[in-house]
Structure formats: structure tokens, C-alpha cells
Amino acid sequence: MKSGTVTIIGRPNSGKSTLLNAVVGQKISITSTQPQTTRHRILGVLTETRGQVVFADTPGVHKPLYGMNRRMQNCVRDAMKGVDLVLLVIDGTIRFGSGESFVLDVLRRIRPRAFLAINKIDRIAKPRLLPIIERYSQEFEFLEIIPISALQRDNVNLLVDRIFEHLPCAEPPMGADVITDRTERFLTAEFIREKILERTREELPYATAVLVRQFDESRRERRGLVVVRADIIVEKRSQQGIILGAGGTMIRDIGTAARRDLENLLGCEVFLDLTVKTVRNWRNSEVILDELDLGR
């Protein structure tokens, strides 16, 4: 059997989380059109008869301006160390620029064994692929360069096949029934935040966080009910108004959509209570960042 660890890195909004979900066949990492959606390292485990791959989704690589972002970038660097492969995912529709150079500089400093996945090929004319491949081949010595569409699953199976070929012979590090290392409580906060990002779009891309204050499973077996109470954290009073919406319509829509996803995740009825709180400059608050489990 072949088994190993693969860390997925890339710029914000390159499709890393979409790829992880496609590979494991289940939604474990939230996605949105907003950059910096992923804030934590999230493991997704693929187990097959030929072995096991433990994928780690990571925050998008960018220059940090807040304490939160510094912690996110520390998470990326730590996740690249001691793994069998690093998978760099790029958005093939974006021209090579300073952001792409920054990611490659991070890769060069650590010098891991690495793959390149050119994502979103469903939106790229085929003649444009060769110049992209040539440019990145000159920038770093990748073991494999594979064009994919994570959203359409084009070449995703091929990517997995190639990854297995480069992994060592080893016993699976995780149990066969493990899909992720993240708890239901963690995924609950993430699913709520995803619904906020979907509905606020350009207005609140970075300034929100979700803290689950209560995750009560005591009535799960007897009554098929989980009670969730969560705080939506924003930085300004004006942002609080955006989340609430006129007459509370926005937060009601967020709660309805989040509850639907949570009931699918948990397999039972969910009572969801959301509260919006303003915490000024929370992205630099060590207390809040620790509560969000954003590392150091």
C-alpha cells in the first residue's frame, strides 16, 4: 500500500478548497467567491484499496496585514514542512504577477517535493495552457504539472493517480472511516460563515468570524435534535446592520440556509440561534484569535 501526506497551497481563491472537496467526495472545506475564505488547516482523507492520502487544505498565501493573517500564513508554512508532497494550485485564468511570484518564493524557501495543478481549465482556451506550463517549469522544478478543473472534476482522478505514484509504501496513518480531522462543532462555525460570505459578498469579505458558544448534543439520540448558539463577530456597528438586514431579514436568511446544511451534515434536526456582536479590531485581538483556534 502507498500512503502519505499532501499539503495544498496557493493564492486566495485559486480553488484549493473546491479541489479538496472533489478529491474526498464530501464537503468538508467551505468555498465562496471571496478570497481568504479558508483560515485554518483542514485535513481531508482519501482512503482506497491502494492506500491513503491525507490532504491538508490551507489558507491562501498572501502578504499579512493583520494578526489574523499572520497566523494564517504561519499555518501555511508549518503545513508545508515534513509532508510527502506539496500541491500548488493556481488559477489558470489569472496572468502571472507579483502574487504568483510571492507564492513561488514561499515554495522556494522550503524546497519541498511539489506538484503544480493548473486549475479552472474549463475556462481556459487550450492554446493558453502551454505558455503557463512553460513559465512555471522555469520557476520551480515540479515533479508533475497537471491541468485540472476542480469544479468540473476534469483530470482530478488523474491528479490523484499521479500523487499515489509519488507516495512511499506505508500503512495508512488514519482509520478507513476517517474523512477529516475537524469536529462537527468546527464545521458548524464554518458552514455558518460560508452563508455569510455568500450573502454579503463584497461588503464583508474579511471582517466576519463565527464563534460557536453552544453545541448541545444531549437530545441528539433521544429527540434527533442538536442545539447550536453562535456569535457572528464583526468589526463595526455598520457591519452589524448589514448582517442583520432590514427587519432582520438577512440574518434570518443566513440562519435558514446554514441550518439546512447543518442538518445534512449532522443527520438530525438543528435549532440554530445566531447573535451579531461588534468587536472592534478583532483581527488583531489575541483573545479572539485564540478562541477561533487560529494557531500562533
Protein backbone atom coordinates (compact mmCIF):
# COMPACT_ATOMS: atom_id res chain seq x y z
CA MET A 1 0.00 0.00 0.00
CA LYS A 2 1.02 3.59 -0.60
CA SER A 3 0.16 6.31 1.85
CA GLY A 4 1.28 9.83 2.67
CA THR A 5 0.52 13.47 3.31
CA VAL A 6 -0.10 16.21 0.75
CA THR A 7 -0.39 19.91 1.62
CA ILE A 8 -2.43 22.04 -0.78
CA ILE A 9 -1.25 25.66 -1.14
CA GLY A 10 -1.98 28.55 -3.47
CA ARG A 11 -3.17 32.11 -3.70
CA PRO A 12 -6.57 33.05 -2.26
CA ASN A 13 -9.47 31.94 -4.45
CA SER A 14 -7.39 29.57 -6.57
CA GLY A 15 -9.76 26.65 -5.89
CA LYS A 16 -7.90 24.74 -3.17
CA SER A 17 -10.98 24.00 -1.06
CA THR A 18 -13.06 23.03 -4.10
CA LEU A 19 -10.31 20.57 -5.06
CA LEU A 20 -10.15 19.06 -1.56
CA ASN A 21 -13.92 18.52 -1.55
CA ALA A 22 -13.77 16.96 -5.02
CA VAL A 23 -10.97 14.60 -4.04
CA VAL A 24 -12.57 13.27 -0.84
CA GLY A 25 -16.08 13.30 -2.32
CA GLN A 26 -17.60 15.27 0.53
CA LYS A 27 -17.90 18.90 1.57
CA ILE A 28 -15.50 19.46 4.45
CA SER A 29 -13.95 22.80 3.47
CA ILE A 30 -16.20 25.78 2.76
CA THR A 31 -15.97 27.63 -0.53
CA SER A 32 -17.00 31.05 -1.81
CA THR A 33 -16.09 33.58 -4.47
CA GLN A 34 -14.42 35.70 -1.78
CA PRO A 35 -10.65 35.43 -1.24
CA GLN A 36 -9.28 34.26 2.12
CA THR A 37 -12.29 32.05 2.77
CA THR A 38 -10.08 29.31 4.26
CA ARG A 39 -8.50 30.36 7.56
CA HIS A 40 -7.43 27.03 9.08
CA ARG A 41 -5.56 23.91 8.06
CA ILE A 42 -8.24 21.35 7.31
CA LEU A 43 -7.44 17.69 6.68
CA GLY A 44 -9.35 15.65 4.12
CA VAL A 45 -8.63 11.91 3.98
CA LEU A 46 -8.92 9.79 0.84
CA THR A 47 -8.81 6.05 1.53
CA GLU A 48 -8.73 3.49 -1.27
CA THR A 49 -7.63 -0.13 -1.67
CA ARG A 50 -4.27 1.10 -2.96
CA GLY A 51 -3.63 3.22 0.13
CA GLN A 52 -4.44 6.57 1.73
CA VAL A 53 -3.73 10.22 1.06
CA VAL A 54 -4.13 12.79 3.83
CA PHE A 55 -4.68 16.16 2.16
CA ALA A 56 -4.30 19.42 4.07
CA ASP A 57 -6.20 22.45 2.78
CA THR A 58 -4.53 25.70 3.86
CA PRO A 59 -5.27 29.44 3.83
CA GLY A 60 -4.42 31.31 0.65
CA VAL A 61 -0.84 32.61 0.50
CA HIS A 62 -0.78 36.40 0.77
CA LYS A 63 1.11 39.21 2.50
CA PRO A 64 -0.38 39.55 6.00
CA LEU A 65 -1.63 42.90 7.26
CA TYR A 66 -3.42 41.79 10.46
CA GLY A 67 -2.63 39.44 13.34
CA MET A 68 -5.20 37.00 11.95
CA ASN A 69 -3.47 36.94 8.56
CA ARG A 70 -0.03 36.47 10.12
CA ARG A 71 -1.33 33.42 11.95
CA MET A 72 -2.85 32.12 8.73
CA GLN A 73 0.48 32.42 6.90
CA ASN A 74 2.32 30.69 9.76
CA CYS A 75 -0.21 27.87 9.33
CA VAL A 76 0.68 27.57 5.62
CA ARG A 77 4.43 27.43 6.26
CA ASP A 78 4.07 24.89 9.07
CA ALA A 79 1.80 22.70 6.92
CA MET A 80 4.46 22.51 4.18
CA LYS A 81 7.11 21.03 6.45
CA GLY A 82 7.62 17.30 6.80
CA VAL A 83 4.97 16.25 4.27
CA ASP A 84 5.43 13.88 1.35
CA LEU A 85 4.21 16.33 -1.30
CA VAL A 86 3.11 19.94 -1.65
CA LEU A 87 0.42 20.60 -4.25
CA LEU A 88 0.48 24.16 -5.59
CA VAL A 89 -2.90 25.10 -7.08
CA ILE A 90 -3.01 28.11 -9.40
CA ASP A 91 -5.89 29.86 -11.13
CA GLY A 92 -5.07 29.39 -14.81
CA THR A 93 -7.33 32.30 -15.79
CA ILE A 94 -5.10 34.84 -13.98
CA ARG A 95 -1.96 36.29 -15.54
CA PHE A 96 1.35 35.71 -13.79
CA GLY A 97 2.08 38.63 -11.48
CA SER A 98 3.52 39.66 -8.13
CA GLY A 99 1.11 37.43 -6.20
CA GLU A 100 2.23 34.35 -8.11
CA SER A 101 5.88 35.30 -7.57
CA PHE A 102 5.21 35.64 -3.83
CA VAL A 103 3.77 32.10 -3.65
CA LEU A 104 6.73 30.67 -5.55
CA ASP A 105 9.14 32.46 -3.22
CA VAL A 106 7.44 30.75 -0.28
CA LEU A 107 7.80 27.42 -2.08
CA ARG A 108 11.48 28.01 -2.87
CA ARG A 109 12.33 28.79 0.75
CA ILE A 110 11.09 25.37 1.88
CA ARG A 111 12.01 23.39 -1.29
CA PRO A 112 9.51 20.52 -0.90
CA ARG A 113 8.73 17.83 -3.46
CA ALA A 114 5.91 19.55 -5.30
CA PHE A 115 3.17 19.17 -7.90
CA LEU A 116 1.55 22.00 -9.84
CA ALA A 117 -2.19 21.89 -10.59
CA ILE A 118 -3.34 24.46 -13.14
CA ASN A 119 -6.95 24.93 -12.11
CA LYS A 120 -10.06 26.22 -13.92
CA ILE A 121 -9.11 24.78 -17.32
CA ASP A 122 -12.83 24.72 -18.16
CA ARG A 123 -12.45 28.50 -18.55
CA ILE A 124 -9.14 28.50 -20.46
CA ALA A 125 -8.56 28.10 -24.20
CA LYS A 126 -6.23 25.12 -24.71
CA PRO A 127 -3.55 27.15 -26.58
CA ARG A 128 -3.07 29.22 -23.41
CA LEU A 129 -2.05 26.21 -21.33
CA LEU A 130 1.38 25.60 -22.86
CA PRO A 131 2.79 29.07 -22.01
CA ILE A 132 1.57 28.67 -18.42
CA ILE A 133 3.26 25.27 -18.14
CA GLU A 134 6.50 26.63 -19.63
CA ARG A 135 6.55 29.65 -17.30
CA TYR A 136 6.07 27.63 -14.12
CA SER A 137 8.53 24.96 -15.27
CA GLN A 138 11.18 27.68 -15.38
CA GLU A 139 10.25 28.97 -11.92
CA PHE A 140 10.36 25.70 -9.95
CA GLU A 141 11.24 22.04 -10.52
CA PHE A 142 7.81 20.44 -10.17
CA LEU A 143 7.51 16.65 -10.16
CA GLU A 144 4.28 16.88 -12.17
CA ILE A 145 2.29 19.66 -13.83
CA ILE A 146 -1.36 18.72 -14.36
CA PRO A 147 -4.16 20.94 -15.76
CA ILE A 148 -7.43 20.38 -13.89
CA SER A 149 -10.89 21.76 -13.24
CA ALA A 150 -11.72 21.12 -9.58
CA LEU A 151 -15.28 22.36 -10.09
CA GLN A 152 -15.97 20.07 -13.06
CA ARG A 153 -13.66 17.30 -11.75
CA ASP A 154 -11.68 17.31 -15.01
CA ASN A 155 -8.40 15.40 -14.53
CA VAL A 156 -8.96 15.15 -10.75
CA ASN A 157 -8.71 11.35 -10.89
CA LEU A 158 -5.53 11.69 -12.96
CA LEU A 159 -4.07 14.02 -10.34
CA VAL A 160 -4.85 11.52 -7.58
CA ASP A 161 -3.28 8.70 -9.62
CA ARG A 162 -0.06 10.68 -10.05
CA ILE A 163 0.02 11.56 -6.35
CA PHE A 164 -0.22 7.89 -5.38
CA GLU A 165 2.68 7.10 -7.72
CA HIS A 166 4.93 9.52 -5.81
CA LEU A 167 3.95 8.44 -2.29
CA PRO A 168 6.03 6.00 -0.21
CA CYS A 169 4.97 2.45 0.59
CA ALA A 170 3.39 2.77 4.01
CA GLU A 171 0.41 1.80 6.12
CA PRO A 172 -2.46 4.33 6.22
CA PRO A 173 -1.96 6.82 9.07
CA MET A 174 -5.73 7.28 9.56
CA GLY A 175 -8.64 4.90 10.06
CA ALA A 176 -10.50 3.86 6.91
CA ASP A 177 -13.68 5.64 8.06
CA VAL A 178 -12.00 8.99 8.79
CA ILE A 179 -12.84 11.82 6.36
CA THR A 180 -11.49 14.84 8.24
CA ASP A 181 -9.77 15.78 11.48
CA ARG A 182 -12.24 18.60 12.14
CA THR A 183 -15.07 18.29 14.65
CA GLU A 184 -18.74 18.85 13.91
CA ARG A 185 -18.57 21.94 16.12
CA PHE A 186 -15.79 23.40 13.95
CA LEU A 187 -17.63 22.56 10.71
CA THR A 188 -20.77 24.20 12.14
CA ALA A 189 -18.97 27.53 12.54
CA GLU A 190 -17.52 27.22 9.03
CA PHE A 191 -20.87 26.43 7.40
CA ILE A 192 -22.43 29.48 9.07
CA ARG A 193 -19.56 31.69 7.88
CA GLU A 194 -19.95 30.35 4.34
CA LYS A 195 -23.57 31.52 4.27
CA ILE A 196 -22.49 34.97 5.46
CA LEU A 197 -19.90 35.20 2.67
CA GLU A 198 -22.44 34.10 0.06
CA ARG A 199 -24.88 36.82 1.04
CA THR A 200 -22.67 39.80 1.92
CA ARG A 201 -20.13 39.30 -0.90
CA GLU A 202 -18.07 42.49 -1.38
CA GLU A 203 -19.41 44.20 1.74
CA LEU A 204 -17.87 41.94 4.39
CA PRO A 205 -15.28 39.60 2.85
CA TYR A 206 -12.78 39.58 5.72
CA ALA A 207 -14.35 41.32 8.70
CA THR A 208 -16.57 38.49 9.98
CA ALA A 209 -15.93 35.48 12.17
CA VAL A 210 -18.18 32.89 13.81
CA LEU A 211 -17.78 31.58 17.35
CA VAL A 212 -19.94 28.62 18.39
CA ARG A 213 -20.86 29.27 22.03
CA GLN A 214 -23.03 26.17 22.50
CA PHE A 215 -23.13 22.85 20.68
CA ASP A 216 -25.58 20.75 22.69
CA GLU A 217 -25.96 17.13 21.58
CA SER A 218 -27.72 15.90 24.71
CA ARG A 219 -31.03 15.45 22.83
CA ARG A 220 -29.49 14.05 19.64
CA GLU A 221 -30.19 10.36 20.21
CA ARG A 222 -33.48 10.71 22.09
CA ARG A 223 -35.14 13.50 20.09
CA GLY A 224 -32.94 13.84 16.99
CA LEU A 225 -32.04 17.44 17.88
CA VAL A 226 -28.83 19.44 18.22
CA VAL A 227 -28.93 22.95 19.70
CA VAL A 228 -26.42 25.45 18.33
CA ARG A 229 -25.91 29.00 19.56
CA ALA A 230 -23.28 31.06 17.76
CA ASP A 231 -21.95 34.62 17.69
CA ILE A 232 -21.25 36.36 14.40
CA ILE A 233 -18.37 38.76 15.07
CA VAL A 234 -17.96 41.96 13.03
CA GLU A 235 -15.64 44.96 13.43
CA LYS A 236 -18.04 47.91 13.06
CA ARG A 237 -21.60 48.79 14.04
CA SER A 238 -22.39 49.47 10.37
CA GLN A 239 -21.34 45.88 9.54
CA GLN A 240 -23.65 44.60 12.25
CA GLY A 241 -26.51 46.32 10.43
CA ILE A 242 -25.55 44.61 7.16
CA ILE A 243 -25.64 41.17 8.81
CA LEU A 244 -28.98 41.85 10.47
CA GLY A 245 -30.58 43.35 7.35
CA ALA A 246 -33.80 45.34 7.19
CA GLY A 247 -36.17 43.96 9.78
CA GLY A 248 -33.75 41.07 10.47
CA THR A 249 -34.22 39.58 7.01
CA MET A 250 -30.52 38.99 6.30
CA ILE A 251 -29.70 37.11 9.49
CA ARG A 252 -32.91 35.10 9.07
CA ASP A 253 -31.82 34.05 5.55
CA ILE A 254 -28.32 33.20 6.80
CA GLY A 255 -29.77 31.08 9.59
CA THR A 256 -32.21 29.24 7.31
CA ALA A 257 -29.50 28.36 4.76
CA ALA A 258 -26.96 27.39 7.43
CA ARG A 259 -29.48 25.22 9.28
CA ARG A 260 -30.27 23.33 6.07
CA ASP A 261 -26.59 22.47 5.52
CA LEU A 262 -26.07 21.62 9.18
CA GLU A 263 -28.99 19.21 9.21
CA ASN A 264 -27.45 17.44 6.21
CA LEU A 265 -24.09 17.36 7.99
CA LEU A 266 -25.39 16.17 11.37
CA GLY A 267 -28.22 13.96 10.11
CA CYS A 268 -30.77 15.41 12.51
CA GLU A 269 -32.84 18.50 13.25
CA VAL A 270 -30.90 21.62 14.28
CA PHE A 271 -32.08 24.52 16.42
CA LEU A 272 -29.82 27.43 15.41
CA ASP A 273 -29.65 30.72 17.31
CA LEU A 274 -27.43 33.46 15.85
CA THR A 275 -26.32 36.68 17.58
CA VAL A 276 -24.35 39.50 15.95
CA LYS A 277 -21.68 41.23 18.04
CA THR A 278 -19.31 44.09 17.25
CA VAL A 279 -15.72 43.60 18.45
CA ARG A 280 -13.54 46.41 17.17
CA ASN A 281 -10.25 45.36 15.60
CA TRP A 282 -10.91 41.68 16.37
CA ARG A 283 -8.46 40.60 13.67
CA ASN A 284 -5.66 41.86 15.92
CA SER A 285 -7.18 40.55 19.16
CA GLU A 286 -5.13 37.67 20.57
CA VAL A 287 -8.09 36.60 22.73
CA ILE A 288 -10.50 36.33 19.77
CA LEU A 289 -7.88 34.70 17.53
CA ASP A 290 -7.22 32.10 20.23
CA GLU A 291 -10.95 31.45 20.54
CA LEU A 292 -11.07 30.93 16.77
CA ASP A 293 -8.20 28.41 17.12
CA LEU A 294 -6.10 30.23 14.53
CA GLY A 295 -2.76 28.98 15.84
CA ARG A 296 0.15 31.27 16.56
